[in-house]
Amino acid sequence: MKILLVDDNEEIRSALKEILEIEGYEVRPAANGIEALRLTKKSPPDMIISDVLMPEMDGFKLCHELKESKKFRRIPFIFYTANYTDKKDEDLAMAMGASCFIRKPMMPDKFLDTIRGVIREHKEAELHVPRMPLEEDVELYKMYIERLSQMLDLKIKDLAKERQDLVGAQKALQHSEDRYKILLDTIPHGIQENDLSGVITYGNKAYHVMLDAKENELIGKHIWDVVSQHSERESLKQYLANLLENQPPPSPYHVEDITMEGKKIDVKIDWNYKRDTEGSLTGFIAVITDITNQKKIEQKLKEKVDDLERFYEMAVGRELRMKELKEEIQRLKS
């Protein structure tokens, strides 16, 4: 059985299409009445399920266009809507020849039972067919204009509220982003984000200061552009390729970077993967710490330890030598 599904909301179309196809129905989607009318004339469906208020041609008008046609008037027409549930809407729909008026949301089982009921009535020739075209029924036409006007008023109010909510959400988001940026710029460590190709997509203030760069100067460069040694650049490219292919657990690493002024610095990089809501890898984020001074201090400490060890060896050697001399003097005296 072929069903024409008409709704300007893509998510609703997709959800209903999936429910109906699981039951074995062949479903063709349409985004408005104009498209639905064109598809019907091209290949008449066995049933039409339509929303009410849609751009270009609303569901009431679509129902009217089909029901005044001898060729299409006996096609079962079901309204399925959430926004307009006034009893007058249902009365108008049924007066136009609709087979059923369903209010969203409805559980899938009940929705499918309703569809089966309409199919059964259609087979038994029990579906109502309007007596005359809409324009010839003055009262019905007035009712249509009244209901459509009220629906549009409600839609405008809904859109105005949505816009107000959106503006509020945008302000809240901007405030959150401002606070987030302040926080990142306050952190003394460099924060760097890069995409899967190794291109830097974000760097906080500390990251740019660390590399003697102007604000956002490093954005768009590859992560290996700031590495000092050529061999380390090639190693970093291979390292990135391995991460993309195997995605091992994150582990810190050290590298020697070169600042925009040509100064070499040692950095420690703690990093992690960035993923989208579906878990797909989208890039990397790293916390970068300048450990140049730390390494200098560690080197000085190592040198002091080495000096102490040499002094200790010299002291022990002298003590042994003094002991040997004393023993030699003792032997001479005896």
C-alpha atoms as a PDB file:
ATOM      1  CA  MET A   1       0.000   0.000   0.000  1.00  0.00           C
ATOM      2  CA  LYS A   2       1.334   3.422  -1.023  1.00  0.00           C
ATOM      3  CA  ILE A   3       1.038   6.283   1.495  1.00  0.00           C
ATOM      4  CA  LEU A   4       1.791   9.934   0.743  1.00  0.00           C
ATOM      5  CA  LEU A   5       3.130  11.613   3.903  1.00  0.00           C
ATOM      6  CA  VAL A   6       2.845  15.423   3.919  1.00  0.00           C
ATOM      7  CA  ASP A   7       4.574  17.511   6.615  1.00  0.00           C
ATOM      8  CA  ASP A   8       6.905  20.513   6.498  1.00  0.00           C
ATOM      9  CA  ASN A   9       8.822  19.193   9.536  1.00  0.00           C
ATOM     10  CA  GLU A  10      11.576  16.894   8.277  1.00  0.00           C
ATOM     11  CA  GLU A  11      12.061  15.171  11.644  1.00  0.00           C
ATOM     12  CA  ILE A  12       8.368  14.287  11.906  1.00  0.00           C
ATOM     13  CA  ARG A  13       8.332  13.073   8.301  1.00  0.00           C
ATOM     14  CA  SER A  14      11.329  10.829   8.944  1.00  0.00           C
ATOM     15  CA  ALA A  15       9.896   9.405  12.186  1.00  0.00           C
ATOM     16  CA  LEU A  16       6.473   8.620  10.675  1.00  0.00           C
ATOM     17  CA  LYS A  17       8.049   7.235   7.528  1.00  0.00           C
ATOM     18  CA  GLU A  18      10.113   4.801   9.591  1.00  0.00           C
ATOM     19  CA  ILE A  19       7.067   3.675  11.618  1.00  0.00           C
ATOM     20  CA  LEU A  20       4.973   3.099   8.495  1.00  0.00           C
ATOM     21  CA  GLU A  21       7.741   1.360   6.529  1.00  0.00           C
ATOM     22  CA  ILE A  22       8.337  -1.082   9.380  1.00  0.00           C
ATOM     23  CA  GLU A  23       4.698  -2.090   8.935  1.00  0.00           C
ATOM     24  CA  GLY A  24       5.301  -2.717   5.247  1.00  0.00           C
ATOM     25  CA  TYR A  25       3.772   0.448   3.788  1.00  0.00           C
ATOM     26  CA  GLU A  26       5.446   2.176   0.845  1.00  0.00           C
ATOM     27  CA  VAL A  27       5.898   5.814   1.880  1.00  0.00           C
ATOM     28  CA  ARG A  28       6.536   8.907  -0.267  1.00  0.00           C
ATOM     29  CA  PRO A  29       7.293  12.141   1.647  1.00  0.00           C
ATOM     30  CA  ALA A  30       6.214  15.666   0.676  1.00  0.00           C
ATOM     31  CA  ALA A  31       7.061  18.966   2.410  1.00  0.00           C
ATOM     32  CA  ASN A  32       3.865  20.885   1.528  1.00  0.00           C
ATOM     33  CA  GLY A  33       0.523  20.712  -0.272  1.00  0.00           C
ATOM     34  CA  ILE A  34       1.882  21.821  -3.635  1.00  0.00           C
ATOM     35  CA  GLU A  35       4.432  19.013  -3.691  1.00  0.00           C
ATOM     36  CA  ALA A  36       1.844  16.513  -2.449  1.00  0.00           C
ATOM     37  CA  LEU A  37      -0.605  17.536  -5.183  1.00  0.00           C
ATOM     38  CA  ARG A  38       2.074  17.118  -7.849  1.00  0.00           C
ATOM     39  CA  LEU A  39       3.033  13.660  -6.570  1.00  0.00           C
ATOM     40  CA  THR A  40      -0.606  12.595  -6.373  1.00  0.00           C
ATOM     41  CA  LYS A  41      -1.293  13.600  -9.978  1.00  0.00           C
ATOM     42  CA  LYS A  42       1.855  11.802 -11.097  1.00  0.00           C
ATOM     43  CA  SER A  43       1.129   8.578  -9.208  1.00  0.00           C
ATOM     44  CA  PRO A  44      -2.002   8.469  -6.985  1.00  0.00           C
ATOM     45  CA  PRO A  45      -1.318   7.015  -3.513  1.00  0.00           C
ATOM     46  CA  ASP A  46      -3.641   4.672  -1.648  1.00  0.00           C
ATOM     47  CA  MET A  47      -3.745   7.040   1.337  1.00  0.00           C
ATOM     48  CA  ILE A  48      -2.652  10.570   2.284  1.00  0.00           C
ATOM     49  CA  ILE A  49      -1.524  11.594   5.778  1.00  0.00           C
ATOM     50  CA  SER A  50      -1.054  15.356   6.113  1.00  0.00           C
ATOM     51  CA  ASP A  51      -0.265  18.099   8.593  1.00  0.00           C
ATOM     52  CA  VAL A  52      -2.550  21.164   8.668  1.00  0.00           C
ATOM     53  CA  LEU A  53      -0.523  24.374   8.473  1.00  0.00           C
ATOM     54  CA  MET A  54       2.273  24.230   5.903  1.00  0.00           C
ATOM     55  CA  PRO A  55       3.951  26.725   3.546  1.00  0.00           C
ATOM     56  CA  GLU A  56       2.721  27.221  -0.039  1.00  0.00           C
ATOM     57  CA  MET A  57      -0.431  25.116   0.463  1.00  0.00           C
ATOM     58  CA  ASP A  58      -1.985  24.124   3.801  1.00  0.00           C
ATOM     59  CA  GLY A  59      -3.486  20.741   4.561  1.00  0.00           C
ATOM     60  CA  PHE A  60      -7.084  21.975   4.407  1.00  0.00           C
ATOM     61  CA  LYS A  61      -6.542  23.373   0.918  1.00  0.00           C
ATOM     62  CA  LEU A  62      -4.800  20.179  -0.177  1.00  0.00           C
ATOM     63  CA  CYS A  63      -7.715  18.104   1.103  1.00  0.00           C
ATOM     64  CA  HIS A  64     -10.158  20.388  -0.734  1.00  0.00           C
ATOM     65  CA  GLU A  65      -8.220  20.186  -4.010  1.00  0.00           C
ATOM     66  CA  LEU A  66      -8.267  16.391  -3.906  1.00  0.00           C
ATOM     67  CA  LYS A  67     -11.835  15.925  -2.694  1.00  0.00           C
ATOM     68  CA  GLU A  68     -13.320  18.044  -5.492  1.00  0.00           C
ATOM     69  CA  SER A  69     -11.614  15.810  -8.055  1.00  0.00           C
ATOM     70  CA  LYS A  70     -13.522  12.749  -9.219  1.00  0.00           C
ATOM     71  CA  LYS A  71     -10.196  10.988  -9.774  1.00  0.00           C
ATOM     72  CA  PHE A  72      -8.772  11.568  -6.282  1.00  0.00           C
ATOM     73  CA  ARG A  73     -11.763  12.241  -3.995  1.00  0.00           C
ATOM     74  CA  ARG A  74     -12.012   8.666  -2.761  1.00  0.00           C
ATOM     75  CA  ILE A  75      -8.398   8.511  -1.595  1.00  0.00           C
ATOM     76  CA  PRO A  76      -8.495   8.275   2.243  1.00  0.00           C
ATOM     77  CA  PHE A  77      -7.190  11.557   3.689  1.00  0.00           C
ATOM     78  CA  ILE A  78      -5.954  11.685   7.298  1.00  0.00           C
ATOM     79  CA  PHE A  79      -4.963  14.843   9.164  1.00  0.00           C
ATOM     80  CA  TYR A  80      -2.137  14.378  11.686  1.00  0.00           C
ATOM     81  CA  THR A  81      -1.328  17.558  13.607  1.00  0.00           C
ATOM     82  CA  ALA A  82      -0.090  18.770  16.977  1.00  0.00           C
ATOM     83  CA  ASN A  83      -0.466  22.547  16.987  1.00  0.00           C
ATOM     84  CA  TYR A  84      -4.143  22.891  16.152  1.00  0.00           C
ATOM     85  CA  THR A  85      -6.409  20.704  18.220  1.00  0.00           C
ATOM     86  CA  ASP A  86      -9.516  22.869  18.519  1.00  0.00           C
ATOM     87  CA  LYS A  87     -12.767  20.941  17.965  1.00  0.00           C
ATOM     88  CA  LYS A  88     -13.571  23.378  15.129  1.00  0.00           C
ATOM     89  CA  ASP A  89     -10.420  22.239  13.302  1.00  0.00           C
ATOM     90  CA  GLU A  90     -11.605  18.657  13.429  1.00  0.00           C
ATOM     91  CA  ASP A  91     -15.117  19.652  12.362  1.00  0.00           C
ATOM     92  CA  LEU A  92     -13.719  21.524   9.360  1.00  0.00           C
ATOM     93  CA  ALA A  93     -11.452  18.629   8.403  1.00  0.00           C
ATOM     94  CA  MET A  94     -14.274  16.120   8.511  1.00  0.00           C
ATOM     95  CA  ALA A  95     -16.610  18.477   6.636  1.00  0.00           C
ATOM     96  CA  MET A  96     -14.035  18.655   3.856  1.00  0.00           C
ATOM     97  CA  GLY A  97     -14.103  14.900   3.500  1.00  0.00           C
ATOM     98  CA  ALA A  98     -11.161  13.851   5.689  1.00  0.00           C
ATOM     99  CA  SER A  99     -11.328  10.275   6.884  1.00  0.00           C
ATOM    100  CA  CYS A 100      -9.752  10.964  10.250  1.00  0.00           C
ATOM    101  CA  PHE A 101      -8.276  13.757  12.392  1.00  0.00           C
ATOM    102  CA  ILE A 102      -5.392  12.587  14.584  1.00  0.00           C
ATOM    103  CA  ARG A 103      -3.821  14.720  17.279  1.00  0.00           C
ATOM    104  CA  LYS A 104      -0.072  14.460  17.915  1.00  0.00           C
ATOM    105  CA  PRO A 105       1.548  12.873  19.710  1.00  0.00           C
ATOM    106  CA  MET A 106       0.044   9.398  19.475  1.00  0.00           C
ATOM    107  CA  MET A 107       1.681   6.138  20.419  1.00  0.00           C
ATOM    108  CA  PRO A 108       2.858   4.210  17.317  1.00  0.00           C
ATOM    109  CA  ASP A 109       0.590   1.222  18.036  1.00  0.00           C
ATOM    110  CA  LYS A 110      -2.511   3.390  18.340  1.00  0.00           C
ATOM    111  CA  PHE A 111      -1.479   5.420  15.283  1.00  0.00           C
ATOM    112  CA  LEU A 112      -1.124   2.254  13.199  1.00  0.00           C
ATOM    113  CA  ASP A 113      -4.451   0.911  14.505  1.00  0.00           C
ATOM    114  CA  THR A 114      -6.098   4.128  13.316  1.00  0.00           C
ATOM    115  CA  ILE A 115      -4.516   3.725   9.883  1.00  0.00           C
ATOM    116  CA  ARG A 116      -5.760   0.132   9.673  1.00  0.00           C
ATOM    117  CA  GLY A 117      -9.260   1.254  10.661  1.00  0.00           C
ATOM    118  CA  VAL A 118      -9.362   3.823   7.860  1.00  0.00           C
ATOM    119  CA  ILE A 119      -8.127   1.228   5.365  1.00  0.00           C
ATOM    120  CA  ARG A 120     -10.860  -1.145   6.470  1.00  0.00           C
ATOM    121  CA  GLU A 121     -13.570   1.526   6.122  1.00  0.00           C
ATOM    122  CA  HIS A 122     -12.228   2.434   2.704  1.00  0.00           C
ATOM    123  CA  LYS A 123     -12.491  -1.168   1.527  1.00  0.00           C
ATOM    124  CA  GLU A 124     -16.038  -1.376   2.840  1.00  0.00           C
ATOM    125  CA  ALA A 125     -16.963   1.926   1.074  1.00  0.00           C
ATOM    126  CA  GLU A 126     -17.868   3.601   4.373  1.00  0.00           C
ATOM    127  CA  LEU A 127     -15.651   6.695   3.993  1.00  0.00           C
ATOM    128  CA  HIS A 128     -17.451  10.030   3.718  1.00  0.00           C
ATOM    129  CA  VAL A 129     -17.137  11.944   0.416  1.00  0.00           C
ATOM    130  CA  PRO A 130     -18.107  15.683   0.334  1.00  0.00           C
ATOM    131  CA  ARG A 131     -21.236  16.558  -1.642  1.00  0.00           C
ATOM    132  CA  MET A 132     -19.904  19.715  -3.353  1.00  0.00           C
ATOM    133  CA  PRO A 133     -16.703  21.738  -3.866  1.00  0.00           C
ATOM    134  CA  LEU A 134     -15.581  23.974  -0.999  1.00  0.00           C
ATOM    135  CA  GLU A 135     -16.300  27.297  -2.715  1.00  0.00           C
ATOM    136  CA  GLU A 136     -19.917  26.288  -3.396  1.00  0.00           C
ATOM    137  CA  ASP A 137     -20.523  25.613   0.292  1.00  0.00           C
ATOM    138  CA  VAL A 138     -20.500  29.170   1.630  1.00  0.00           C
ATOM    139  CA  GLU A 139     -20.673  28.232   5.312  1.00  0.00           C
ATOM    140  CA  LEU A 140     -17.857  25.738   4.956  1.00  0.00           C
ATOM    141  CA  TYR A 141     -15.742  28.260   3.061  1.00  0.00           C
ATOM    142  CA  LYS A 142     -16.290  30.874   5.799  1.00  0.00           C
ATOM    143  CA  MET A 143     -15.343  28.289   8.395  1.00  0.00           C
ATOM    144  CA  TYR A 144     -12.151  27.490   6.474  1.00  0.00           C
ATOM    145  CA  ILE A 145     -11.107  31.148   6.289  1.00  0.00           C
ATOM    146  CA  GLU A 146     -11.865  31.654   9.989  1.00  0.00           C
ATOM    147  CA  ARG A 147      -9.913  28.597  11.110  1.00  0.00           C
ATOM    148  CA  LEU A 148      -6.973  29.363   8.823  1.00  0.00           C
ATOM    149  CA  SER A 149      -6.786  32.930  10.133  1.00  0.00           C
ATOM    150  CA  GLN A 150      -6.822  31.745  13.736  1.00  0.00           C
ATOM    151  CA  MET A 151      -4.184  29.139  12.966  1.00  0.00           C
ATOM    152  CA  LEU A 152      -1.934  31.756  11.404  1.00  0.00           C
ATOM    153  CA  ASP A 153      -2.403  34.011  14.431  1.00  0.00           C
ATOM    154  CA  LEU A 154      -1.401  31.152  16.711  1.00  0.00           C
ATOM    155  CA  LYS A 155       1.574  30.342  14.496  1.00  0.00           C
ATOM    156  CA  ILE A 156       2.733  33.957  14.584  1.00  0.00           C
ATOM    157  CA  LYS A 157       2.468  33.984  18.379  1.00  0.00           C
ATOM    158  CA  ASP A 158       4.383  30.701  18.573  1.00  0.00           C
ATOM    159  CA  LEU A 159       7.106  32.055  16.284  1.00  0.00           C
ATOM    160  CA  ALA A 160       7.321  35.268  18.316  1.00  0.00           C
ATOM    161  CA  LYS A 161       7.756  33.250  21.513  1.00  0.00           C
ATOM    162  CA  GLU A 162      10.325  30.995  19.833  1.00  0.00           C
ATOM    163  CA  ARG A 163      12.204  34.076  18.661  1.00  0.00           C
ATOM    164  CA  GLN A 164      12.131  35.547  22.158  1.00  0.00           C
ATOM    165  CA  ASP A 165      13.341  32.260  23.625  1.00  0.00           C
ATOM    166  CA  LEU A 166      16.050  32.079  20.954  1.00  0.00           C
ATOM    167  CA  VAL A 167      17.256  35.596  21.727  1.00  0.00           C
ATOM    168  CA  GLY A 168      17.393  34.701  25.424  1.00  0.00           C
ATOM    169  CA  ALA A 169      19.268  31.493  24.664  1.00  0.00           C
ATOM    170  CA  GLN A 170      21.722  33.359  22.427  1.00  0.00           C
ATOM    171  CA  LYS A 171      22.396  35.901  25.186  1.00  0.00           C
ATOM    172  CA  ALA A 172      22.939  33.118  27.708  1.00  0.00           C
ATOM    173  CA  LEU A 173      25.219  31.308  25.262  1.00  0.00           C
ATOM    174  CA  GLN A 174      27.208  34.471  24.590  1.00  0.00           C
ATOM    175  CA  HIS A 175      27.555  35.079  28.340  1.00  0.00           C
ATOM    176  CA  SER A 176      28.729  31.494  28.798  1.00  0.00           C
ATOM    177  CA  GLU A 177      31.202  31.818  25.919  1.00  0.00           C
ATOM    178  CA  ASP A 178      32.551  35.084  27.354  1.00  0.00           C
ATOM    179  CA  ARG A 179      33.101  33.465  30.751  1.00  0.00           C
ATOM    180  CA  TYR A 180      34.696  30.443  29.085  1.00  0.00           C
ATOM    181  CA  LYS A 181      37.074  32.674  27.111  1.00  0.00           C
ATOM    182  CA  ILE A 182      38.025  34.670  30.218  1.00  0.00           C
ATOM    183  CA  LEU A 183      38.724  31.416  32.042  1.00  0.00           C
ATOM    184  CA  LEU A 184      40.884  30.068  29.215  1.00  0.00           C
ATOM    185  CA  ASP A 185      42.790  33.340  28.920  1.00  0.00           C
ATOM    186  CA  THR A 186      43.402  33.349  32.695  1.00  0.00           C
ATOM    187  CA  ILE A 187      44.912  29.873  32.772  1.00  0.00           C
ATOM    188  CA  PRO A 188      48.750  30.116  32.789  1.00  0.00           C
ATOM    189  CA  HIS A 189      49.076  27.021  30.594  1.00  0.00           C
ATOM    190  CA  GLY A 190      48.690  27.058  26.835  1.00  0.00           C
ATOM    191  CA  ILE A 191      45.469  25.567  25.468  1.00  0.00           C
ATOM    192  CA  GLN A 192      45.599  24.409  21.858  1.00  0.00           C
ATOM    193  CA  GLU A 193      43.035  22.711  19.648  1.00  0.00           C
ATOM    194  CA  ASN A 194      43.758  21.249  16.234  1.00  0.00           C
ATOM    195  CA  ASP A 195      41.791  19.371  13.595  1.00  0.00           C
ATOM    196  CA  LEU A 196      42.503  15.930  12.156  1.00  0.00           C
ATOM    197  CA  SER A 197      45.008  17.333   9.657  1.00  0.00           C
ATOM    198  CA  GLY A 198      47.064  18.955  12.421  1.00  0.00           C
ATOM    199  CA  VAL A 199      45.927  22.526  11.716  1.00  0.00           C
ATOM    200  CA  ILE A 200      45.621  24.689  14.843  1.00  0.00           C
ATOM    201  CA  THR A 201      42.004  25.847  15.215  1.00  0.00           C
ATOM    202  CA  TYR A 202      42.276  27.517  18.634  1.00  0.00           C
ATOM    203  CA  GLY A 203      44.940  28.816  20.961  1.00  0.00           C
ATOM    204  CA  ASN A 204      44.369  30.738  24.186  1.00  0.00           C
ATOM    205  CA  LYS A 205      46.270  33.842  25.264  1.00  0.00           C
ATOM    206  CA  ALA A 206      48.899  31.933  27.269  1.00  0.00           C
ATOM    207  CA  TYR A 207      49.651  29.723  24.258  1.00  0.00           C
ATOM    208  CA  HIS A 208      50.363  32.718  22.037  1.00  0.00           C
ATOM    209  CA  VAL A 209      52.408  34.475  24.756  1.00  0.00           C
ATOM    210  CA  MET A 210      54.423  31.294  25.269  1.00  0.00           C
ATOM    211  CA  LEU A 211      55.410  31.302  21.596  1.00  0.00           C
ATOM    212  CA  ASP A 212      55.934  35.096  21.365  1.00  0.00           C
ATOM    213  CA  ALA A 213      53.010  35.297  18.937  1.00  0.00           C
ATOM    214  CA  LYS A 214      50.352  37.936  18.403  1.00  0.00           C
ATOM    215  CA  GLU A 215      46.732  37.143  19.249  1.00  0.00           C
ATOM    216  CA  ASN A 216      45.396  34.414  16.916  1.00  0.00           C
ATOM    217  CA  GLU A 217      48.646  34.491  14.894  1.00  0.00           C
ATOM    218  CA  LEU A 218      49.079  30.729  15.266  1.00  0.00           C
ATOM    219  CA  ILE A 219      45.556  29.854  14.120  1.00  0.00           C
ATOM    220  CA  GLY A 220      45.714  28.092  10.747  1.00  0.00           C
ATOM    221  CA  LYS A 221      49.287  26.826  11.155  1.00  0.00           C
ATOM    222  CA  HIS A 222      50.131  23.137  11.503  1.00  0.00           C
ATOM    223  CA  ILE A 223      51.222  21.940  14.932  1.00  0.00           C
ATOM    224  CA  TRP A 224      54.630  21.003  13.526  1.00  0.00           C
ATOM    225  CA  ASP A 225      55.188  24.546  12.207  1.00  0.00           C
ATOM    226  CA  VAL A 226      56.278  25.597  15.702  1.00  0.00           C
ATOM    227  CA  VAL A 227      58.546  22.602  16.364  1.00  0.00           C
ATOM    228  CA  SER A 228      62.283  23.402  16.415  1.00  0.00           C
ATOM    229  CA  GLN A 229      64.079  20.386  14.953  1.00  0.00           C
ATOM    230  CA  HIS A 230      63.248  19.062  11.481  1.00  0.00           C
ATOM    231  CA  SER A 231      63.488  15.491  12.756  1.00  0.00           C
ATOM    232  CA  GLU A 232      60.941  16.297  15.478  1.00  0.00           C
ATOM    233  CA  ARG A 233      58.577  17.772  12.879  1.00  0.00           C
ATOM    234  CA  GLU A 234      58.637  14.535  10.900  1.00  0.00           C
ATOM    235  CA  SER A 235      58.192  12.511  14.091  1.00  0.00           C
ATOM    236  CA  LEU A 236      55.182  14.642  15.031  1.00  0.00           C
ATOM    237  CA  LYS A 237      53.571  14.031  11.621  1.00  0.00           C
ATOM    238  CA  GLN A 238      54.059  10.287  12.045  1.00  0.00           C
ATOM    239  CA  TYR A 239      52.742  10.514  15.606  1.00  0.00           C
ATOM    240  CA  LEU A 240      49.563  12.221  14.384  1.00  0.00           C
ATOM    241  CA  ALA A 241      49.103   9.604  11.649  1.00  0.00           C
ATOM    242  CA  ASN A 242      49.369   6.851  14.264  1.00  0.00           C
ATOM    243  CA  LEU A 243      46.769   8.572  16.469  1.00  0.00           C
ATOM    244  CA  LEU A 244      44.335   8.801  13.566  1.00  0.00           C
ATOM    245  CA  GLU A 245      44.790   5.168  12.580  1.00  0.00           C
ATOM    246  CA  ASN A 246      45.054   3.413  15.949  1.00  0.00           C
ATOM    247  CA  GLN A 247      43.681   5.957  18.486  1.00  0.00           C
ATOM    248  CA  PRO A 248      45.798   4.751  21.431  1.00  0.00           C
ATOM    249  CA  PRO A 249      45.135   6.046  24.978  1.00  0.00           C
ATOM    250  CA  PRO A 250      46.385   9.640  25.435  1.00  0.00           C
ATOM    251  CA  SER A 251      49.842   9.984  26.973  1.00  0.00           C
ATOM    252  CA  PRO A 252      51.940  13.134  27.586  1.00  0.00           C
ATOM    253  CA  TYR A 253      55.007  13.838  25.469  1.00  0.00           C
ATOM    254  CA  HIS A 254      57.832  16.405  25.353  1.00  0.00           C
ATOM    255  CA  VAL A 255      59.040  18.430  22.402  1.00  0.00           C
ATOM    256  CA  GLU A 256      61.275  21.398  21.689  1.00  0.00           C
ATOM    257  CA  ASP A 257      59.274  24.292  20.195  1.00  0.00           C
ATOM    258  CA  ILE A 258      60.547  27.442  18.553  1.00  0.00           C
ATOM    259  CA  THR A 259      58.901  30.795  19.290  1.00  0.00           C
ATOM    260  CA  MET A 260      58.042  33.401  16.667  1.00  0.00           C
ATOM    261  CA  GLU A 261      61.199  35.250  17.759  1.00  0.00           C
ATOM    262  CA  GLY A 262      63.351  32.165  17.112  1.00  0.00           C
ATOM    263  CA  LYS A 263      63.856  31.192  20.763  1.00  0.00           C
ATOM    264  CA  LYS A 264      63.820  27.472  21.569  1.00  0.00           C
ATOM    265  CA  ILE A 265      61.709  26.301  24.477  1.00  0.00           C
ATOM    266  CA  ASP A 266      60.996  22.893  25.958  1.00  0.00           C
ATOM    267  CA  VAL A 267      57.326  22.047  26.405  1.00  0.00           C
ATOM    268  CA  LYS A 268      55.291  19.237  27.921  1.00  0.00           C
ATOM    269  CA  ILE A 269      52.071  18.392  26.092  1.00  0.00           C
ATOM    270  CA  ASP A 270      49.123  16.711  27.811  1.00  0.00           C
ATOM    271  CA  TRP A 271      46.409  15.985  25.245  1.00  0.00           C
ATOM    272  CA  ASN A 272      43.159  14.191  24.553  1.00  0.00           C
ATOM    273  CA  TYR A 273      40.826  13.384  21.670  1.00  0.00           C
ATOM    274  CA  LYS A 274      37.910  15.590  20.586  1.00  0.00           C
ATOM    275  CA  ARG A 275      34.766  13.763  19.471  1.00  0.00           C
ATOM    276  CA  ASP A 276      31.305  14.755  18.283  1.00  0.00           C
ATOM    277  CA  THR A 277      28.024  13.646  19.870  1.00  0.00           C
ATOM    278  CA  GLU A 278      28.149  10.383  17.910  1.00  0.00           C
ATOM    279  CA  GLY A 279      31.653   9.561  19.124  1.00  0.00           C
ATOM    280  CA  SER A 280      33.443  10.263  15.842  1.00  0.00           C
ATOM    281  CA  LEU A 281      36.933  11.759  16.116  1.00  0.00           C
ATOM    282  CA  THR A 282      36.977  15.450  15.113  1.00  0.00           C
ATOM    283  CA  GLY A 283      40.337  16.667  16.418  1.00  0.00           C
ATOM    284  CA  PHE A 284      42.578  17.034  19.450  1.00  0.00           C
ATOM    285  CA  ILE A 285      42.912  19.357  22.457  1.00  0.00           C
ATOM    286  CA  ALA A 286      46.153  19.877  24.352  1.00  0.00           C
ATOM    287  CA  VAL A 287      47.400  21.581  27.499  1.00  0.00           C
ATOM    288  CA  ILE A 288      50.912  22.877  26.829  1.00  0.00           C
ATOM    289  CA  THR A 289      53.332  23.709  29.641  1.00  0.00           C
ATOM    290  CA  ASP A 290      56.629  25.565  29.176  1.00  0.00           C
ATOM    291  CA  ILE A 291      59.161  23.469  31.097  1.00  0.00           C
ATOM    292  CA  THR A 292      62.281  25.283  29.868  1.00  0.00           C
ATOM    293  CA  ASN A 293      63.150  26.742  33.303  1.00  0.00           C
ATOM    294  CA  GLN A 294      62.227  23.490  34.977  1.00  0.00           C
ATOM    295  CA  LYS A 295      64.660  21.614  32.744  1.00  0.00           C
ATOM    296  CA  LYS A 296      67.373  24.199  33.458  1.00  0.00           C
ATOM    297  CA  ILE A 297      66.844  23.754  37.206  1.00  0.00           C
ATOM    298  CA  GLU A 298      66.894  19.981  36.801  1.00  0.00           C
ATOM    299  CA  GLN A 299      70.137  20.281  34.823  1.00  0.00           C
ATOM    300  CA  LYS A 300      71.731  22.462  37.541  1.00  0.00           C
ATOM    301  CA  LEU A 301      70.656  20.004  40.207  1.00  0.00           C
ATOM    302  CA  LYS A 302      72.146  17.167  38.201  1.00  0.00           C
ATOM    303  CA  GLU A 303      75.408  19.080  37.835  1.00  0.00           C
ATOM    304  CA  LYS A 304      75.536  19.710  41.616  1.00  0.00           C
ATOM    305  CA  VAL A 305      74.887  16.049  42.328  1.00  0.00           C
ATOM    306  CA  ASP A 306      77.680  15.114  39.923  1.00  0.00           C
ATOM    307  CA  ASP A 307      80.035  17.595  41.659  1.00  0.00           C
ATOM    308  CA  LEU A 308      79.170  16.151  45.070  1.00  0.00           C
ATOM    309  CA  GLU A 309      79.770  12.640  43.840  1.00  0.00           C
ATOM    310  CA  ARG A 310      83.169  13.655  42.449  1.00  0.00           C
ATOM    311  CA  PHE A 311      84.038  15.452  45.708  1.00  0.00           C
ATOM    312  CA  TYR A 312      83.003  12.389  47.682  1.00  0.00           C
ATOM    313  CA  GLU A 313      85.174  10.168  45.522  1.00  0.00           C
ATOM    314  CA  MET A 314      88.089  12.572  45.974  1.00  0.00           C
ATOM    315  CA  ALA A 315      87.550  12.711  49.734  1.00  0.00           C
ATOM    316  CA  VAL A 316      87.370   8.940  50.021  1.00  0.00           C
ATOM    317  CA  GLY A 317      90.497   8.645  47.854  1.00  0.00           C
ATOM    318  CA  ARG A 318      92.431  11.100  50.041  1.00  0.00           C
ATOM    319  CA  GLU A 319      91.373   9.308  53.187  1.00  0.00           C
ATOM    320  CA  LEU A 320      92.607   6.014  51.807  1.00  0.00           C
ATOM    321  CA  ARG A 321      95.871   7.652  50.742  1.00  0.00           C
ATOM    322  CA  MET A 322      96.399   9.153  54.245  1.00  0.00           C
ATOM    323  CA  LYS A 323      95.802   5.739  55.787  1.00  0.00           C
ATOM    324  CA  GLU A 324      98.370   4.170  53.490  1.00  0.00           C
ATOM    325  CA  LEU A 325     100.923   6.892  54.374  1.00  0.00           C
ATOM    326  CA  LYS A 326     100.417   6.366  58.113  1.00  0.00           C
ATOM    327  CA  GLU A 327     100.942   2.642  57.734  1.00  0.00           C
ATOM    328  CA  GLU A 328     104.118   3.274  55.701  1.00  0.00           C
ATOM    329  CA  ILE A 329     105.502   5.635  58.384  1.00  0.00           C
ATOM    330  CA  GLN A 330     104.735   3.032  61.029  1.00  0.00           C
ATOM    331  CA  ARG A 331     106.685   0.398  59.175  1.00  0.00           C
ATOM    332  CA  LEU A 332     109.671   2.716  58.766  1.00  0.00           C
ATOM    333  CA  LYS A 333     109.718   3.491  62.456  1.00  0.00           C
ATOM    334  CA  SER A 334     109.727  -0.175  63.357  1.00  0.00           C
END
